[in-house]
PDB file of N, CA and C in Angstrom:
ATOM      1  N   MET A   1     120.058 215.844  68.192  1.00  0.00           N
ATOM      2  CA  MET A   1     120.183 215.508  66.819  1.00  0.00           C
ATOM      3  C   MET A   1     121.657 215.231  66.511  1.00  0.00           C
ATOM      4  N   LEU A   2     121.906 214.146  65.833  1.00  0.00           N
ATOM      5  CA  LEU A   2     123.263 213.781  65.462  1.00  0.00           C
ATOM      6  C   LEU A   2     123.413 213.808  63.950  1.00  0.00           C
ATOM      7  N   TYR A   3     124.587 214.145  63.503  1.00  0.00           N
ATOM      8  CA  TYR A   3     124.877 214.066  62.084  1.00  0.00           C
ATOM      9  C   TYR A   3     126.305 213.592  61.890  1.00  0.00           C
ATOM     10  N   HIS A   4     126.572 213.015  60.761  1.00  0.00           N
ATOM     11  CA  HIS A   4     127.876 212.423  60.467  1.00  0.00           C
ATOM     12  C   HIS A   4     128.575 213.218  59.378  1.00  0.00           C
ATOM     13  N   MET A   5     129.804 213.604  59.651  1.00  0.00           N
ATOM     14  CA  MET A   5     130.614 214.300  58.650  1.00  0.00           C
ATOM     15  C   MET A   5     131.716 213.345  58.207  1.00  0.00           C
ATOM     16  N   LYS A   6     131.905 213.191  56.930  1.00  0.00           N
ATOM     17  CA  LYS A   6     132.908 212.273  56.415  1.00  0.00           C
ATOM     18  C   LYS A   6     134.246 212.981  56.240  1.00  0.00           C
ATOM     19  N   GLU A   7     134.713 213.592  57.302  1.00  0.00           N
ATOM     20  CA  GLU A   7     135.993 214.286  57.295  1.00  0.00           C
ATOM     21  C   GLU A   7     136.814 213.808  58.486  1.00  0.00           C
ATOM     22  N   LEU A   8     138.108 213.794  58.313  1.00  0.00           N
ATOM     23  CA  LEU A   8     138.980 213.469  59.426  1.00  0.00           C
ATOM     24  C   LEU A   8     139.215 214.716  60.266  1.00  0.00           C
ATOM     25  N   GLN A   9     139.376 214.516  61.562  1.00  0.00           N
ATOM     26  CA  GLN A   9     139.621 215.656  62.425  1.00  0.00           C
ATOM     27  C   GLN A   9     141.022 216.226  62.156  1.00  0.00           C
ATOM     28  N   TYR A  10     141.987 215.325  61.940  1.00  0.00           N
ATOM     29  CA  TYR A  10     143.357 215.736  61.650  1.00  0.00           C
ATOM     30  C   TYR A  10     143.796 215.107  60.339  1.00  0.00           C
ATOM     31  N   GLN A  11     144.450 215.855  59.507  1.00  0.00           N
ATOM     32  CA  GLN A  11     144.973 215.337  58.248  1.00  0.00           C
ATOM     33  C   GLN A  11     146.413 214.888  58.472  1.00  0.00           C
ATOM     34  N   ALA A  12     146.596 213.677  58.978  1.00  0.00           N
ATOM     35  CA  ALA A  12     147.925 213.151  59.264  1.00  0.00           C
ATOM     36  C   ALA A  12     148.166 211.912  58.411  1.00  0.00           C
ATOM     37  N   LYS A  13     149.279 211.886  57.733  1.00  0.00           N
ATOM     38  CA  LYS A  13     149.654 210.738  56.914  1.00  0.00           C
ATOM     39  C   LYS A  13     150.965 210.186  57.462  1.00  0.00           C
ATOM     40  N   PRO A  14     150.997 208.902  57.816  1.00  0.00           N
ATOM     41  CA  PRO A  14     152.242 208.330  58.340  1.00  0.00           C
ATOM     42  C   PRO A  14     153.302 208.218  57.237  1.00  0.00           C
ATOM     43  N   ALA A  15     154.551 208.385  57.618  1.00  0.00           N
ATOM     44  CA  ALA A  15     155.654 208.278  56.662  1.00  0.00           C
ATOM     45  C   ALA A  15     155.872 206.831  56.237  1.00  0.00           C
ATOM     46  N   HIS A  16     155.683 205.899  57.190  1.00  0.00           N
ATOM     47  CA  HIS A  16     155.853 204.472  56.909  1.00  0.00           C
ATOM     48  C   HIS A  16     154.997 203.673  57.885  1.00  0.00           C
ATOM     49  N   PRO A  17     154.613 202.441  57.554  1.00  0.00           N
ATOM     50  CA  PRO A  17     153.791 201.633  58.461  1.00  0.00           C
ATOM     51  C   PRO A  17     154.555 201.244  59.728  1.00  0.00           C
ATOM     52  N   ASP A  18     153.837 201.179  60.833  1.00  0.00           N
ATOM     53  CA  ASP A  18     154.442 200.798  62.113  1.00  0.00           C
ATOM     54  C   ASP A  18     153.641 199.635  62.703  1.00  0.00           C
ATOM     55  N   PRO A  19     154.038 198.374  62.436  1.00  0.00           N
ATOM     56  CA  PRO A  19     153.250 197.229  62.896  1.00  0.00           C
ATOM     57  C   PRO A  19     153.176 197.098  64.416  1.00  0.00           C
ATOM     58  N   VAL A  20     154.206 197.516  65.137  1.00  0.00           N
ATOM     59  CA  VAL A  20     154.190 197.413  66.612  1.00  0.00           C
ATOM     60  C   VAL A  20     153.121 198.337  67.184  1.00  0.00           C
ATOM     61  N   TYR A  21     153.081 199.566  66.697  1.00  0.00           N
ATOM     62  CA  TYR A  21     152.075 200.515  67.171  1.00  0.00           C
ATOM     63  C   TYR A  21     150.668 200.061  66.791  1.00  0.00           C
ATOM     64  N   THR A  22     150.525 199.501  65.597  1.00  0.00           N
ATOM     65  CA  THR A  22     149.227 199.006  65.152  1.00  0.00           C
ATOM     66  C   THR A  22     148.728 197.896  66.066  1.00  0.00           C
ATOM     67  N   LYS A  23     149.604 196.997  66.450  1.00  0.00           N
ATOM     68  CA  LYS A  23     149.222 195.909  67.356  1.00  0.00           C
ATOM     69  C   LYS A  23     148.782 196.460  68.712  1.00  0.00           C
ATOM     70  N   LYS A  24     149.491 197.457  69.220  1.00  0.00           N
ATOM     71  CA  LYS A  24     149.113 198.084  70.496  1.00  0.00           C
ATOM     72  C   LYS A  24     147.759 198.784  70.370  1.00  0.00           C
ATOM     73  N   ARG A  25     147.530 199.440  69.242  1.00  0.00           N
ATOM     74  CA  ARG A  25     146.277 200.149  69.007  1.00  0.00           C
ATOM     75  C   ARG A  25     145.089 199.202  68.960  1.00  0.00           C
ATOM     76  N   GLN A  26     145.273 198.022  68.362  1.00  0.00           N
ATOM     77  CA  GLN A  26     144.187 197.063  68.229  1.00  0.00           C
ATOM     78  C   GLN A  26     143.874 196.369  69.552  1.00  0.00           C
ATOM     79  N   GLU A  27     144.798 196.354  70.480  1.00  0.00           N
ATOM     80  CA  GLU A  27     144.592 195.694  71.763  1.00  0.00           C
ATOM     81  C   GLU A  27     143.545 196.410  72.601  1.00  0.00           C
ATOM     82  N   VAL A  28     143.498 197.728  72.524  1.00  0.00           N
ATOM     83  CA  VAL A  28     142.619 198.517  73.397  1.00  0.00           C
ATOM     84  C   VAL A  28     141.146 198.142  73.224  1.00  0.00           C
ATOM     85  N   PRO A  29     140.558 198.195  72.019  1.00  0.00           N
ATOM     86  CA  PRO A  29     139.131 197.875  71.930  1.00  0.00           C
ATOM     87  C   PRO A  29     138.800 196.393  71.894  1.00  0.00           C
ATOM     88  N   GLY A  30     139.665 195.539  71.348  1.00  0.00           N
ATOM     89  CA  GLY A  30     139.221 194.173  71.137  1.00  0.00           C
ATOM     90  C   GLY A  30     140.187 193.085  71.517  1.00  0.00           C
ATOM     91  N   GLY A  31     141.250 193.407  72.177  1.00  0.00           N
ATOM     92  CA  GLY A  31     142.236 192.383  72.533  1.00  0.00           C
ATOM     93  C   GLY A  31     141.784 191.522  73.703  1.00  0.00           C
ATOM     94  N   ARG A  32     142.714 190.738  74.226  1.00  0.00           N
ATOM     95  CA  ARG A  32     142.385 189.809  75.310  1.00  0.00           C
ATOM     96  C   ARG A  32     141.815 190.534  76.528  1.00  0.00           C
ATOM     97  N   SER A  33     142.400 191.653  76.876  1.00  0.00           N
ATOM     98  CA  SER A  33     141.899 192.424  78.020  1.00  0.00           C
ATOM     99  C   SER A  33     141.326 193.759  77.553  1.00  0.00           C
ATOM    100  N   GLY A  34     140.786 193.791  76.354  1.00  0.00           N
ATOM    101  CA  GLY A  34     140.265 195.027  75.782  1.00  0.00           C
ATOM    102  C   GLY A  34     138.851 195.338  76.238  1.00  0.00           C
ATOM    103  N   GLU A  35     138.352 196.467  75.794  1.00  0.00           N
ATOM    104  CA  GLU A  35     137.039 196.944  76.213  1.00  0.00           C
ATOM    105  C   GLU A  35     135.914 196.017  75.763  1.00  0.00           C
ATOM    106  N   ILE A  36     135.959 195.572  74.522  1.00  0.00           N
ATOM    107  CA  ILE A  36     134.881 194.724  74.007  1.00  0.00           C
ATOM    108  C   ILE A  36     134.852 193.391  74.742  1.00  0.00           C
ATOM    109  N   SER A  37     136.028 192.806  74.984  1.00  0.00           N
ATOM    110  CA  SER A  37     136.091 191.531  75.711  1.00  0.00           C
ATOM    111  C   SER A  37     135.533 191.688  77.123  1.00  0.00           C
ATOM    112  N   PHE A  38     135.883 192.791  77.777  1.00  0.00           N
ATOM    113  CA  PHE A  38     135.396 193.035  79.131  1.00  0.00           C
ATOM    114  C   PHE A  38     133.879 193.198  79.151  1.00  0.00           C
ATOM    115  N   ILE A  39     133.353 193.966  78.203  1.00  0.00           N
ATOM    116  CA  ILE A  39     131.909 194.195  78.154  1.00  0.00           C
ATOM    117  C   ILE A  39     131.163 192.886  77.904  1.00  0.00           C
ATOM    118  N   MET A  40     131.679 192.055  76.993  1.00  0.00           N
ATOM    119  CA  MET A  40     131.008 190.784  76.696  1.00  0.00           C
ATOM    120  C   MET A  40     131.026 189.857  77.909  1.00  0.00           C
ATOM    121  N   ARG A  41     132.163 189.803  78.623  1.00  0.00           N
ATOM    122  CA  ARG A  41     132.223 188.972  79.838  1.00  0.00           C
ATOM    123  C   ARG A  41     131.222 189.461  80.875  1.00  0.00           C
ATOM    124  N   TYR A  42     131.149 190.770  81.069  1.00  0.00           N
ATOM    125  CA  TYR A  42     130.231 191.354  82.045  1.00  0.00           C
ATOM    126  C   TYR A  42     128.780 191.068  81.663  1.00  0.00           C
ATOM    127  N   LEU A  43     128.466 191.180  80.367  1.00  0.00           N
ATOM    128  CA  LEU A  43     127.118 190.932  79.874  1.00  0.00           C
ATOM    129  C   LEU A  43     126.702 189.486  80.117  1.00  0.00           C
ATOM    130  N   PHE A  44     127.545 188.536  79.716  1.00  0.00           N
ATOM    131  CA  PHE A  44     127.193 187.131  79.870  1.00  0.00           C
ATOM    132  C   PHE A  44     127.191 186.698  81.328  1.00  0.00           C
ATOM    133  N   GLN A  45     127.983 187.339  82.167  1.00  0.00           N
ATOM    134  CA  GLN A  45     127.928 187.055  83.599  1.00  0.00           C
ATOM    135  C   GLN A  45     126.563 187.465  84.147  1.00  0.00           C
ATOM    136  N   GLY A  46     126.051 188.589  83.677  1.00  0.00           N
ATOM    137  CA  GLY A  46     124.724 189.040  84.099  1.00  0.00           C
ATOM    138  C   GLY A  46     123.629 188.111  83.606  1.00  0.00           C
ATOM    139  N   PHE A  47     123.783 187.566  82.390  1.00  0.00           N
ATOM    140  CA  PHE A  47     122.800 186.623  81.865  1.00  0.00           C
ATOM    141  C   PHE A  47     122.759 185.337  82.678  1.00  0.00           C
ATOM    142  N   SER A  48     123.885 184.939  83.237  1.00  0.00           N
ATOM    143  CA  SER A  48     123.937 183.657  83.948  1.00  0.00           C
ATOM    144  C   SER A  48     123.448 183.759  85.388  1.00  0.00           C
ATOM    145  N   CYS A  49     123.223 184.968  85.897  1.00  0.00           N
ATOM    146  CA  CYS A  49     122.719 185.126  87.270  1.00  0.00           C
ATOM    147  C   CYS A  49     121.247 184.759  87.319  1.00  0.00           C
ATOM    148  N   ARG A  50     120.875 184.054  88.339  1.00  0.00           N
ATOM    149  CA  ARG A  50     119.478 183.647  88.505  1.00  0.00           C
ATOM    150  C   ARG A  50     118.844 184.413  89.661  1.00  0.00           C
ATOM    151  N   ALA A  51     117.629 184.854  89.457  1.00  0.00           N
ATOM    152  CA  ALA A  51     116.871 185.506  90.517  1.00  0.00           C
ATOM    153  C   ALA A  51     116.018 184.467  91.214  1.00  0.00           C
ATOM    154  N   ASP A  52     115.559 184.796  92.406  1.00  0.00           N
ATOM    155  CA  ASP A  52     114.658 183.907  93.135  1.00  0.00           C
ATOM    156  C   ASP A  52     113.364 183.751  92.356  1.00  0.00           C
ATOM    157  N   ALA A  53     112.750 182.574  92.433  1.00  0.00           N
ATOM    158  CA  ALA A  53     111.523 182.318  91.695  1.00  0.00           C
ATOM    159  C   ALA A  53     110.366 183.187  92.187  1.00  0.00           C
ATOM    160  N   ASN A  54     110.337 183.521  93.480  1.00  0.00           N
ATOM    161  CA  ASN A  54     109.239 184.291  94.050  1.00  0.00           C
ATOM    162  C   ASN A  54     109.459 185.809  93.922  1.00  0.00           C
ATOM    163  N   ARG A  55     110.622 186.206  93.517  1.00  0.00           N
ATOM    164  CA  ARG A  55     110.937 187.623  93.451  1.00  0.00           C
ATOM    165  C   ARG A  55     110.508 188.220  92.117  1.00  0.00           C
ATOM    166  N   LYS A  56     109.774 189.311  92.194  1.00  0.00           N
ATOM    167  CA  LYS A  56     109.360 189.993  90.968  1.00  0.00           C
ATOM    168  C   LYS A  56     110.397 191.043  90.615  1.00  0.00           C
ATOM    169  N   ILE A  57     110.737 191.104  89.350  1.00  0.00           N
ATOM    170  CA  ILE A  57     111.707 192.068  88.876  1.00  0.00           C
ATOM    171  C   ILE A  57     110.968 193.148  88.104  1.00  0.00           C
ATOM    172  N   SER A  58     111.120 194.388  88.531  1.00  0.00           N
ATOM    173  CA  SER A  58     110.464 195.473  87.822  1.00  0.00           C
ATOM    174  C   SER A  58     111.503 196.250  87.050  1.00  0.00           C
ATOM    175  N   LEU A  59     111.149 196.658  85.863  1.00  0.00           N
ATOM    176  CA  LEU A  59     112.073 197.414  85.022  1.00  0.00           C
ATOM    177  C   LEU A  59     111.734 198.865  85.006  1.00  0.00           C
TER     178      LEU A  59
END
């Protein structure tokens, strides 16, 4: 069972904005070599693979 709490784990407020750190932070999940880009490439590579016509695929 999962539940969602609308609380932050740490109550941290930055003193001032840091655009360099923000850019680095955004690169990890969605940048050019980020996790989302990698997953999408891997997914579409799997879609483009063809199986033999006579081979049955069981799930």
